Protein backbone atom coordinates (compact mmCIF):
# COMPACT_ATOMS: atom_id res chain seq x y z
CA UNK A 1 -7.76 29.51 26.78
CA UNK A 2 -10.00 26.87 25.22
CA UNK A 3 -7.99 24.96 22.63
CA UNK A 4 -9.69 23.43 19.57
CA UNK A 5 -10.71 19.78 19.71
CA UNK A 6 -12.06 18.02 16.61
CA UNK A 7 -13.56 14.64 15.73
CA UNK A 8 -14.32 15.11 12.02
CA UNK A 9 -12.42 11.97 11.07
CA UNK A 10 -14.03 11.55 7.65
CA UNK A 11 -13.03 15.04 6.55
CA UNK A 12 -9.50 14.57 7.86
CA UNK A 13 -8.95 11.66 5.48
CA UNK A 14 -10.97 12.97 2.54
CA UNK A 15 -9.11 16.29 2.56
CA UNK A 16 -5.72 14.65 3.30
CA UNK A 17 -5.18 16.97 6.27
CA UNK A 18 -1.54 16.90 7.49
CA UNK A 19 -1.34 15.08 10.82
CA UNK A 20 1.26 15.59 13.54
CA UNK A 21 1.71 12.30 15.38
CA UNK A 22 3.43 12.78 18.76
CA UNK A 23 3.41 9.10 19.75
CA UNK A 24 6.73 7.33 20.34
CA UNK A 25 8.56 6.06 17.24
CA UNK A 26 7.80 2.42 18.08
CA UNK A 27 4.07 3.18 18.12
CA UNK A 28 4.28 5.02 14.82
CA UNK A 29 6.19 2.14 13.21
CA UNK A 30 3.50 -0.34 14.24
CA UNK A 31 0.77 1.60 12.47
CA UNK A 32 0.17 5.09 11.13
CA UNK A 33 -1.75 7.07 8.51
CA UNK A 34 -0.44 8.05 5.07
CA UNK A 35 -0.79 11.78 5.84
CA UNK A 36 0.91 11.60 9.26
CA UNK A 37 4.38 12.76 10.34
CA UNK A 38 6.00 11.57 13.53
CA UNK A 39 7.60 14.08 15.93
CA UNK A 40 7.32 12.35 19.30
CA UNK A 41 6.91 13.92 22.70
CA UNK A 42 8.74 10.97 24.27
CA UNK A 43 11.40 8.71 22.79
CA UNK A 44 10.89 4.94 22.97
CA UNK A 45 13.15 4.71 26.02
CA UNK A 46 11.44 7.64 27.76
CA UNK A 47 7.99 6.18 27.04
CA UNK A 48 9.12 2.85 28.50
CA UNK A 49 10.45 4.52 31.64
CA UNK A 50 7.28 6.57 32.12
CA UNK A 51 5.14 3.47 31.63
CA UNK A 52 7.20 1.57 34.18
CA UNK A 53 6.86 4.42 36.69
CA UNK A 54 3.09 4.43 36.09
CA UNK A 55 2.89 0.69 36.83
CA UNK A 56 5.02 0.91 39.95
CA UNK A 57 3.96 4.25 41.46
CA UNK A 58 0.82 5.46 39.69
CA UNK A 59 -0.16 8.28 37.35
CA UNK A 60 1.05 11.33 39.31
CA UNK A 61 4.58 9.89 39.58
CA UNK A 62 4.56 8.99 35.87
CA UNK A 63 3.50 12.52 34.89
CA UNK A 64 6.21 13.98 37.11
CA UNK A 65 8.85 11.82 35.44
CA UNK A 66 7.55 12.76 31.98
CA UNK A 67 7.91 16.47 32.73
CA UNK A 68 11.40 15.89 34.12
CA UNK A 69 12.47 13.98 31.00
CA UNK A 70 11.12 16.62 28.58
CA UNK A 71 12.44 19.82 30.16
CA UNK A 72 15.02 22.51 29.49
CA UNK A 73 16.96 22.12 26.26
CA UNK A 74 15.18 18.85 25.40
CA UNK A 75 11.78 20.52 25.62
CA UNK A 76 12.96 23.49 23.59
CA UNK A 77 14.45 21.32 20.84
CA UNK A 78 11.26 19.30 20.48
CA UNK A 79 9.13 22.43 20.57
CA UNK A 80 11.15 23.91 17.73
CA UNK A 81 10.54 20.78 15.68
CA UNK A 82 6.78 21.03 16.23
CA UNK A 83 6.78 24.75 15.44
CA UNK A 84 8.64 24.19 12.17
CA UNK A 85 6.14 21.50 11.21
CA UNK A 86 3.24 23.85 12.00
CA UNK A 87 4.76 26.55 9.81
CA UNK A 88 5.02 24.09 6.91
CA UNK A 89 1.49 22.79 7.54
CA UNK A 90 -0.74 25.65 8.77
CA UNK A 91 -3.82 23.45 8.28
CA UNK A 92 -2.36 20.53 10.27
CA UNK A 93 -3.88 18.75 13.24
CA UNK A 94 -2.40 16.92 16.21
CA UNK A 95 -2.90 13.59 17.96
CA UNK A 96 -1.32 10.99 20.24
CA UNK A 97 -2.55 7.45 20.93
CA UNK A 98 -5.79 8.33 22.75
CA UNK A 99 -5.83 12.07 22.13
CA UNK A 100 -5.16 12.78 25.78
CA UNK A 101 -2.19 13.82 27.87
CA UNK A 102 0.65 13.74 25.35
CA UNK A 103 -1.10 15.57 22.53
CA UNK A 104 -2.82 17.84 25.05
CA UNK A 105 0.53 18.92 26.48
CA UNK A 106 2.05 19.51 23.04
CA UNK A 107 -1.03 21.50 22.05
CA UNK A 108 -0.63 23.71 25.13
CA UNK A 109 3.04 24.34 24.45
CA UNK A 110 2.36 25.20 20.81
CA UNK A 111 -0.43 27.60 21.79
CA UNK A 112 1.87 29.30 24.30
CA UNK A 113 4.42 29.69 21.49
CA UNK A 114 1.84 31.35 19.24
CA UNK A 115 0.85 28.35 17.09
CA UNK A 116 -2.49 26.93 18.27
CA UNK A 117 -3.32 23.69 16.47
CA UNK A 118 -6.47 21.52 16.63
CA UNK A 119 -6.19 18.30 18.61
CA UNK A 120 -8.03 15.20 17.43
CA UNK A 121 -10.47 13.74 19.94
CA UNK A 122 -9.67 10.13 20.77
CA UNK A 123 -6.35 10.26 18.92
CA UNK A 124 -4.95 7.46 16.81
CA UNK A 125 -7.14 4.84 18.47
CA UNK A 126 -10.37 6.62 17.53
CA UNK A 127 -9.24 7.31 13.96
CA UNK A 128 -8.14 3.72 13.50
CA UNK A 129 -11.51 2.49 14.83
CA UNK A 130 -13.27 4.85 12.42
CA UNK A 131 -11.27 3.55 9.44
CA UNK A 132 -11.86 -0.10 10.33
CA UNK A 133 -15.59 0.56 10.54
CA UNK A 134 -15.63 2.33 7.19
CA UNK A 135 -13.48 -0.40 5.65
CA UNK A 136 -16.04 -3.00 6.67
CA UNK A 137 -18.86 -0.83 5.35
CA UNK A 138 -17.34 0.08 2.00
CA UNK A 139 -15.99 -3.44 1.42
CA UNK A 140 -19.53 -4.82 1.62
CA UNK A 141 -21.48 -2.05 -0.14
CA UNK A 142 -19.41 -0.55 -2.96
CA UNK A 143 -20.11 -2.12 -6.38
CA UNK A 144 -17.02 -3.94 -7.66
CA UNK A 145 -15.55 -5.14 -10.95
CA UNK A 146 -12.56 -7.48 -11.00
CA UNK A 147 -9.81 -7.09 -13.59
CA UNK A 148 -8.24 -10.41 -14.61
CA UNK A 149 -5.65 -11.59 -17.09
CA UNK A 150 -2.44 -13.52 -17.43
CA UNK A 151 0.85 -12.29 -15.99
CA UNK A 152 2.25 -9.49 -18.13
CA UNK A 153 -1.03 -8.27 -19.61
CA UNK A 154 -0.59 -4.97 -17.77
CA UNK A 155 -3.48 -5.11 -15.33
CA UNK A 156 -1.81 -2.69 -12.93
CA UNK A 157 -1.25 -0.23 -15.78
CA UNK A 158 -4.98 -0.18 -16.42
CA UNK A 159 -5.71 0.24 -12.71
CA UNK A 160 -3.36 3.24 -12.56
CA UNK A 161 -5.22 4.94 -15.41
CA UNK A 162 -8.62 4.79 -13.69
CA UNK A 163 -10.06 7.24 -11.18
CA UNK A 164 -12.46 4.60 -9.85
CA UNK A 165 -9.94 1.85 -9.07
CA UNK A 166 -7.92 0.54 -6.12
CA UNK A 167 -4.30 -0.46 -6.70
CA UNK A 168 -3.96 -3.23 -4.10
CA UNK A 169 -0.44 -4.09 -5.23
CA UNK A 170 0.59 -0.46 -5.00
CA UNK A 171 -0.82 -0.11 -1.48
CA UNK A 172 0.85 -3.38 -0.43
CA UNK A 173 4.12 -2.51 -2.22
CA UNK A 174 4.28 -5.95 -3.78
CA UNK A 175 3.57 -7.19 -7.30
CA UNK A 176 1.67 -10.20 -6.04
CA UNK A 177 3.87 -13.06 -7.29
CA UNK A 178 7.01 -15.01 -6.46
CA UNK A 179 8.94 -12.19 -8.18
CA UNK A 180 6.81 -9.47 -6.60
CA UNK A 181 9.04 -8.14 -3.83
CA UNK A 182 9.99 -4.48 -4.11
CA UNK A 183 12.84 -2.42 -2.65
CA UNK A 184 11.94 -0.97 0.73
CA UNK A 185 9.72 -3.88 1.71
CA UNK A 186 6.01 -3.90 2.49
CA UNK A 187 4.07 -1.66 4.87
CA UNK A 188 2.77 -3.16 8.09
CA UNK A 189 -0.62 -4.86 7.91
CA UNK A 190 -2.09 -1.94 9.84
CA UNK A 191 -0.62 0.63 7.44
CA UNK A 192 -1.94 -1.39 4.48
CA UNK A 193 -5.44 -1.52 5.99
CA UNK A 194 -5.38 2.20 6.82
CA UNK A 195 -4.35 3.16 3.28
CA UNK A 196 -6.92 0.80 1.76
CA UNK A 197 -9.69 2.13 4.02
CA UNK A 198 -8.87 5.73 3.06
CA UNK A 199 -8.87 4.88 -0.66
CA UNK A 200 -12.26 3.17 -0.39
CA UNK A 201 -13.60 6.06 1.68
CA UNK A 202 -12.60 8.49 -1.08
CA UNK A 203 -14.18 6.32 -3.74
CA UNK A 204 -17.37 6.20 -1.69
CA UNK A 205 -17.33 10.00 -1.49
CA UNK A 206 -16.72 10.15 -5.25
CA UNK A 207 -19.82 8.06 -5.85
CA UNK A 208 -21.88 10.53 -3.83
CA UNK A 209 -21.21 13.16 -6.49
CA UNK A 210 -20.35 11.20 -9.65
CA UNK A 211 -22.78 8.30 -9.30
CA UNK A 212 -22.29 4.61 -8.43
CA UNK A 213 -19.58 3.70 -10.93
CA UNK A 214 -18.17 0.29 -9.92
CA UNK A 215 -14.79 0.17 -8.20
CA UNK A 216 -12.20 -1.73 -10.23
CA UNK A 217 -9.71 -4.02 -8.46
CA UNK A 218 -7.13 -6.41 -9.82
CA UNK A 219 -7.83 -10.10 -9.34
CA UNK A 220 -5.67 -11.08 -6.35
CA UNK A 221 -5.36 -13.98 -3.95
CA UNK A 222 -6.15 -13.20 -0.33
CA UNK A 223 -2.49 -12.30 0.25
CA UNK A 224 -0.55 -9.64 -1.64
CA UNK A 225 2.92 -10.66 -0.60
CA UNK A 226 2.47 -10.94 3.16
CA UNK A 227 -0.40 -8.44 3.41
CA UNK A 228 -3.89 -9.83 3.91
CA UNK A 229 -6.76 -8.34 1.94
CA UNK A 230 -9.60 -7.85 4.48
CA UNK A 231 -11.76 -11.00 4.30
CA UNK A 232 -15.01 -9.08 3.72
CA UNK A 233 -13.51 -7.35 0.69
CA UNK A 234 -11.89 -10.48 -0.71
CA UNK A 235 -15.16 -12.39 -0.43
CA UNK A 236 -16.86 -9.67 -2.49
CA UNK A 237 -14.02 -9.72 -5.01
CA UNK A 238 -14.41 -13.45 -5.65
CA UNK A 239 -18.10 -12.96 -6.49
CA UNK A 240 -17.64 -9.76 -8.54
CA UNK A 241 -18.18 -9.62 -12.32
CA UNK A 242 -14.96 -9.78 -14.30
CA UNK A 243 -13.22 -8.11 -17.17
CA UNK A 244 -10.36 -10.00 -18.86
CA UNK A 245 -7.30 -8.60 -20.62
CA UNK A 246 -5.81 -10.64 -23.44
CA UNK A 247 -2.41 -9.74 -24.88
CA UNK A 248 0.01 -11.67 -27.14
CA UNK A 249 3.00 -13.32 -25.51
CA UNK A 250 5.50 -10.86 -27.03
CA UNK A 251 3.66 -7.93 -25.46
CA UNK A 252 3.50 -9.72 -22.12
CA UNK A 253 7.25 -10.38 -22.20
CA UNK A 254 7.93 -6.69 -22.74
CA UNK A 255 5.58 -5.60 -19.94
CA UNK A 256 7.13 -8.13 -17.57
CA UNK A 257 10.62 -6.94 -18.50
CA UNK A 258 9.63 -3.38 -17.69
CA UNK A 259 7.77 -4.21 -14.47
CA UNK A 260 10.14 -6.79 -13.00
CA UNK A 261 13.55 -5.67 -14.29
CA UNK A 262 13.69 -2.08 -15.55
CA UNK A 263 11.41 -0.40 -13.00
CA UNK A 264 12.83 -2.27 -9.99
CA UNK A 265 16.32 -1.31 -11.15
CA UNK A 266 15.34 2.35 -10.85
CA UNK A 267 13.81 1.69 -7.42
CA UNK A 268 16.96 -0.06 -6.18
CA UNK A 269 19.01 2.89 -7.43
CA UNK A 270 16.82 5.21 -5.37
CA UNK A 271 17.33 3.14 -2.23
CA UNK A 272 20.94 1.99 -2.61
CA UNK A 273 22.54 4.13 -5.32
CA UNK A 274 23.13 3.39 -9.00
CA UNK A 275 26.37 1.51 -8.28
CA UNK A 276 24.62 -1.18 -6.22
CA UNK A 277 21.28 -1.27 -8.01
CA UNK A 278 21.98 -4.06 -10.50
CA UNK A 279 23.65 -6.26 -7.87
CA UNK A 280 20.63 -5.84 -5.59
CA UNK A 281 18.21 -6.54 -8.43
CA UNK A 282 20.16 -9.60 -9.54
CA UNK A 283 20.26 -11.06 -6.04
CA UNK A 284 16.49 -10.61 -5.68
CA UNK A 285 15.70 -12.09 -9.11
CA UNK A 286 17.85 -15.15 -8.43
CA UNK A 287 16.33 -15.58 -4.96
CA UNK A 288 12.83 -15.33 -6.45
CA UNK A 289 13.65 -18.01 -8.99
CA UNK A 290 15.06 -20.22 -6.23
CA UNK A 291 11.76 -19.89 -4.33
CA UNK A 292 9.94 -21.73 -7.12
CA UNK A 293 12.64 -24.38 -7.69
CA UNK A 294 10.40 -27.25 -6.61
CA UNK A 295 7.62 -26.23 -8.98
CA UNK A 296 10.01 -25.90 -11.90
CA UNK A 297 11.94 -29.08 -11.24
CA UNK A 298 15.65 -29.21 -10.59
CA UNK A 299 16.85 -29.43 -14.20
CA UNK A 300 14.63 -26.66 -15.55
CA UNK A 301 15.45 -24.45 -12.58
CA UNK A 302 19.16 -24.80 -13.32
CA UNK A 303 18.60 -23.94 -16.99
CA UNK A 304 16.56 -20.83 -16.20
CA UNK A 305 19.02 -19.75 -13.52
CA UNK A 306 21.84 -19.95 -16.04
CA UNK A 307 19.79 -17.86 -18.49
CA UNK A 308 19.09 -15.27 -15.78
CA UNK A 309 22.73 -15.09 -14.67
CA UNK A 310 23.82 -14.65 -18.30
CA UNK A 311 21.31 -11.84 -18.79
CA UNK A 312 22.48 -10.08 -15.63
CA UNK A 313 26.13 -10.39 -16.66
CA UNK A 314 25.36 -8.96 -20.10
CA UNK A 315 23.40 -6.13 -18.55
CA UNK A 316 26.29 -5.31 -16.22
CA UNK A 317 28.72 -5.34 -19.12
CA UNK A 318 26.69 -3.55 -21.81
CA UNK A 319 23.75 -1.91 -20.06
CA UNK A 320 21.29 -3.85 -22.24
CA UNK A 321 18.41 -5.68 -20.53
CA UNK A 322 17.29 -7.49 -23.71
CA UNK A 323 18.88 -10.74 -22.54
CA UNK A 324 16.21 -11.10 -19.84
CA UNK A 325 13.52 -11.75 -22.45
CA UNK A 326 14.51 -15.42 -22.78
CA UNK A 327 13.94 -16.48 -19.19
CA UNK A 328 10.89 -14.21 -18.90
CA UNK A 329 9.20 -15.84 -21.89
CA UNK A 330 9.99 -19.31 -20.56
CA UNK A 331 8.58 -18.51 -17.12
CA UNK A 332 5.41 -16.99 -18.54
CA UNK A 333 4.74 -19.98 -20.78
CA UNK A 334 5.89 -22.76 -18.46
CA UNK A 335 5.10 -21.45 -14.99
CA UNK A 336 2.69 -18.51 -14.82
CA UNK A 337 0.29 -19.53 -17.59
CA UNK A 338 -0.30 -23.03 -16.16
CA UNK A 339 -0.88 -21.46 -12.71
CA UNK A 340 -3.40 -19.05 -14.23
CA UNK A 341 -5.23 -21.84 -16.09
CA UNK A 342 -5.33 -23.94 -12.92
CA UNK A 343 -6.76 -21.01 -10.92
CA UNK A 344 -9.52 -20.51 -13.52
CA UNK A 345 -10.43 -24.19 -13.37
CA UNK A 346 -10.60 -24.09 -9.56
CA UNK A 347 -12.93 -21.11 -9.66
CA UNK A 348 -15.38 -23.14 -11.71
CA UNK A 349 -18.34 -21.29 -13.16
CA UNK A 350 -17.70 -17.59 -12.62
CA UNK A 351 -20.28 -16.56 -15.17
CA UNK A 352 -19.84 -14.77 -18.46
CA UNK A 353 -17.26 -11.98 -18.40
CA UNK A 354 -18.40 -8.41 -18.72
CA UNK A 355 -15.78 -7.85 -21.39
CA UNK A 356 -12.70 -9.45 -22.94
CA UNK A 357 -10.22 -7.40 -24.92
CA UNK A 358 -6.74 -6.03 -25.30
CA UNK A 359 -5.35 -3.75 -22.61
CA UNK A 360 -6.32 -0.68 -24.64
CA UNK A 361 -9.84 -2.01 -25.30
CA UNK A 362 -10.36 -2.93 -21.66
CA UNK A 363 -9.26 0.54 -20.54
CA UNK A 364 -11.84 2.15 -22.84
CA UNK A 365 -14.53 -0.21 -21.54
CA UNK A 366 -13.76 0.39 -17.88
CA UNK A 367 -13.65 4.17 -18.31
CA UNK A 368 -17.18 3.99 -19.68
CA UNK A 369 -18.65 1.66 -17.08
CA UNK A 370 -22.36 2.27 -16.51
CA UNK A 371 -24.01 2.85 -13.14
CA UNK A 372 -23.52 -0.59 -11.69
CA UNK A 373 -21.91 -3.40 -13.68
CA UNK A 374 -24.08 -5.01 -16.33
CA UNK A 375 -23.12 -7.45 -19.08
CA UNK A 376 -21.71 -5.72 -22.13
CA UNK A 377 -20.66 -7.13 -25.48
CA UNK A 378 -17.11 -8.38 -25.72
CA UNK A 379 -15.13 -11.27 -27.04
CA UNK A 380 -15.67 -14.67 -25.50
CA UNK A 381 -12.89 -16.37 -23.55
């Protein structure tokens, strides 16, 4: 029987085809695709033992050991897992690292069990190479618009409302500041790049049918937390035309409260349970404030820490988060705004902005972007 072999990588990612990854867990943890699910042929220990046998005695001995390790009840249990996955994902496809022996064997066993499934030529390595190539291409060819504004103006909220935008902070699972850490941590650099490449690939495909509407990205430094924006893309971002959001301080305080206190509290509850959520949030907020102690100065840091601790205690006692507004307003005015002004001065002449307006006005403007960014009337900075 000739089993199906495919190499339509672009369609796999554009159509979000479910992927069965049979690599070892350690390989999957180092880098994977958003639409992949890991059900390994070999455990980490088994993979290590097979690799050692290969080094010491050659390929035939390694294959023999692999078959001995995955036999009998072990083979049947793993086969049942793959069969259940296939039943849930009848359009799924299969791969291992190079698309060779491991995925080939699993494909044979599934076919014998009545569930033939396409195997991806070249496996993870080929798909990863494809995505890196497309990332380089799209990063240097797609028209871009950069969304800027002070902390708390709600830039990410605008990004989330647009079909032609990339949420870098969402992909990196970090809010891009000293207080930006999120429960669950960040993806690996490889996972971040894979997800970013797929998003840009889909936006490129969108332009093929909807026209060359510029891709909107939030103004970021080269690092989002500990994840590096690909240099080719970040270079384009720095030169891209800009749209600026302006919002009053009171609005920015409320947005920051929601984004850095209320929403993270829900996320911590999802990870650790409602009972531990506020303690986890409080520990992270205090640690974040401690990370900028030197910039604040010792005395001001102590004052803001006392305000934060008081707000957390009140929230624990009454459930009200309103007490956080004091330290948030102080940080915005005394820490984040001066950083923002300094960054603008360092950038020098970045040209006239495409548009300056409130969050609502900017959203309307960006939704109506023409084919390729061109100067449009707006308020002056």
